[in-house]
Amino acid sequence: MSQNRLVPVYIARGELEAQVIKSLLESQDIPCLLQSEAAPSVLAFAIDGLGEVRVMVRVQDEETATKLLEGEHHA
């Protein structure tokens, strides 16, 4: 059950940035989910964190995803 737990690996400043990160991770076979506190149509930009979108991955993918996002991943 704990393998299905999701952890945040990136906090985007908006939906567009989150989608780019999601595409990058999924291109490396890392499934992810975007999580936001606000509805997508509420704000197109972040004001005091209101537009933040968390990019979530499975706990077993956290290390690989983090390295990829830091530019340390070598295919």
C-alpha atoms as a PDB file:
ATOM      1  CA  MET A   1       0.000   0.000   0.000  1.00  0.00           C
ATOM      2  CA  SER A   2       2.834   2.439   0.798  1.00  0.00           C
ATOM      3  CA  GLN A   3       4.162   2.043  -2.757  1.00  0.00           C
ATOM      4  CA  ASN A   4       1.012   3.772  -3.981  1.00  0.00           C
ATOM      5  CA  ARG A   5       1.667   6.772  -1.733  1.00  0.00           C
ATOM      6  CA  LEU A   6       2.315  10.003  -3.647  1.00  0.00           C
ATOM      7  CA  VAL A   7       5.004  12.513  -2.722  1.00  0.00           C
ATOM      8  CA  PRO A   8       5.666  16.003  -4.140  1.00  0.00           C
ATOM      9  CA  VAL A   9       8.817  16.390  -6.254  1.00  0.00           C
ATOM     10  CA  TYR A  10       8.198  19.867  -7.668  1.00  0.00           C
ATOM     11  CA  ILE A  11       6.092  22.915  -6.895  1.00  0.00           C
ATOM     12  CA  ALA A  12       5.194  24.805 -10.062  1.00  0.00           C
ATOM     13  CA  ARG A  13       4.113  28.446 -10.131  1.00  0.00           C
ATOM     14  CA  GLY A  14       1.130  27.622 -12.303  1.00  0.00           C
ATOM     15  CA  GLU A  15      -0.671  25.048 -14.412  1.00  0.00           C
ATOM     16  CA  LEU A  16       1.439  25.627 -17.545  1.00  0.00           C
ATOM     17  CA  GLU A  17       4.750  25.059 -15.738  1.00  0.00           C
ATOM     18  CA  ALA A  18       3.282  21.998 -14.002  1.00  0.00           C
ATOM     19  CA  GLN A  19       2.205  20.519 -17.347  1.00  0.00           C
ATOM     20  CA  VAL A  20       5.748  20.930 -18.728  1.00  0.00           C
ATOM     21  CA  ILE A  21       7.212  19.121 -15.701  1.00  0.00           C
ATOM     22  CA  LYS A  22       4.552  16.402 -15.967  1.00  0.00           C
ATOM     23  CA  SER A  23       5.397  15.859 -19.636  1.00  0.00           C
ATOM     24  CA  LEU A  24       9.106  15.582 -18.835  1.00  0.00           C
ATOM     25  CA  LEU A  25       8.516  13.003 -16.113  1.00  0.00           C
ATOM     26  CA  GLU A  26       6.056  10.980 -18.170  1.00  0.00           C
ATOM     27  CA  SER A  27       8.500  10.924 -21.107  1.00  0.00           C
ATOM     28  CA  GLN A  28      10.795   8.989 -18.749  1.00  0.00           C
ATOM     29  CA  ASP A  29       7.983   6.570 -17.751  1.00  0.00           C
ATOM     30  CA  ILE A  30       7.383   8.243 -14.384  1.00  0.00           C
ATOM     31  CA  PRO A  31       3.632   8.584 -13.867  1.00  0.00           C
ATOM     32  CA  CYS A  32       2.602  11.713 -12.001  1.00  0.00           C
ATOM     33  CA  LEU A  33      -0.374  13.656 -10.771  1.00  0.00           C
ATOM     34  CA  LEU A  34      -0.882  17.409 -10.507  1.00  0.00           C
ATOM     35  CA  GLN A  35      -2.381  18.717  -7.279  1.00  0.00           C
ATOM     36  CA  SER A  36      -3.593  22.266  -6.740  1.00  0.00           C
ATOM     37  CA  GLU A  37      -5.572  24.080  -4.070  1.00  0.00           C
ATOM     38  CA  ALA A  38      -7.292  26.413  -6.558  1.00  0.00           C
ATOM     39  CA  ALA A  39      -9.438  25.643  -9.580  1.00  0.00           C
ATOM     40  CA  PRO A  40      -7.411  26.043 -12.808  1.00  0.00           C
ATOM     41  CA  SER A  41      -9.605  28.894 -14.031  1.00  0.00           C
ATOM     42  CA  VAL A  42      -9.313  30.933 -10.819  1.00  0.00           C
ATOM     43  CA  LEU A  43      -5.841  32.319 -11.485  1.00  0.00           C
ATOM     44  CA  ALA A  44      -3.485  31.961 -14.397  1.00  0.00           C
ATOM     45  CA  PHE A  45      -0.567  33.103 -12.254  1.00  0.00           C
ATOM     46  CA  ALA A  46       0.617  32.704  -8.682  1.00  0.00           C
ATOM     47  CA  ILE A  47      -0.110  35.316  -6.039  1.00  0.00           C
ATOM     48  CA  ASP A  48       1.263  34.408  -2.612  1.00  0.00           C
ATOM     49  CA  GLY A  49       1.253  30.737  -3.612  1.00  0.00           C
ATOM     50  CA  LEU A  50      -2.388  30.609  -4.671  1.00  0.00           C
ATOM     51  CA  GLY A  51      -1.501  29.343  -8.141  1.00  0.00           C
ATOM     52  CA  GLU A  52       0.968  26.717  -6.970  1.00  0.00           C
ATOM     53  CA  VAL A  53       0.627  23.244  -8.420  1.00  0.00           C
ATOM     54  CA  ARG A  54       2.378  20.294  -6.792  1.00  0.00           C
ATOM     55  CA  VAL A  55       3.753  17.611  -9.097  1.00  0.00           C
ATOM     56  CA  MET A  56       3.260  14.311  -7.276  1.00  0.00           C
ATOM     57  CA  VAL A  57       4.918  10.943  -8.049  1.00  0.00           C
ATOM     58  CA  ARG A  58       4.814   7.502  -6.462  1.00  0.00           C
ATOM     59  CA  VAL A  59       7.188   7.197  -3.518  1.00  0.00           C
ATOM     60  CA  GLN A  60       9.275   4.598  -5.385  1.00  0.00           C
ATOM     61  CA  ASP A  61       9.815   7.090  -8.254  1.00  0.00           C
ATOM     62  CA  GLU A  62      10.793  10.022  -6.026  1.00  0.00           C
ATOM     63  CA  GLU A  63      14.581   9.672  -6.279  1.00  0.00           C
ATOM     64  CA  THR A  64      14.597   9.170 -10.059  1.00  0.00           C
ATOM     65  CA  ALA A  65      12.181  12.063 -10.601  1.00  0.00           C
ATOM     66  CA  THR A  66      14.189  14.387  -8.363  1.00  0.00           C
ATOM     67  CA  LYS A  67      17.439  13.580 -10.173  1.00  0.00           C
ATOM     68  CA  LEU A  68      15.777  14.111 -13.539  1.00  0.00           C
ATOM     69  CA  LEU A  69      14.418  17.480 -12.477  1.00  0.00           C
ATOM     70  CA  GLU A  70      17.815  18.511 -11.106  1.00  0.00           C
ATOM     71  CA  GLY A  71      19.425  17.622 -14.446  1.00  0.00           C
ATOM     72  CA  GLU A  72      21.403  14.749 -12.986  1.00  0.00           C
ATOM     73  CA  HIS A  73      19.600  12.028 -14.926  1.00  0.00           C
ATOM     74  CA  HIS A  74      21.681  10.404 -17.669  1.00  0.00           C
ATOM     75  CA  ALA A  75      19.773   8.095 -20.004  1.00  0.00           C
END
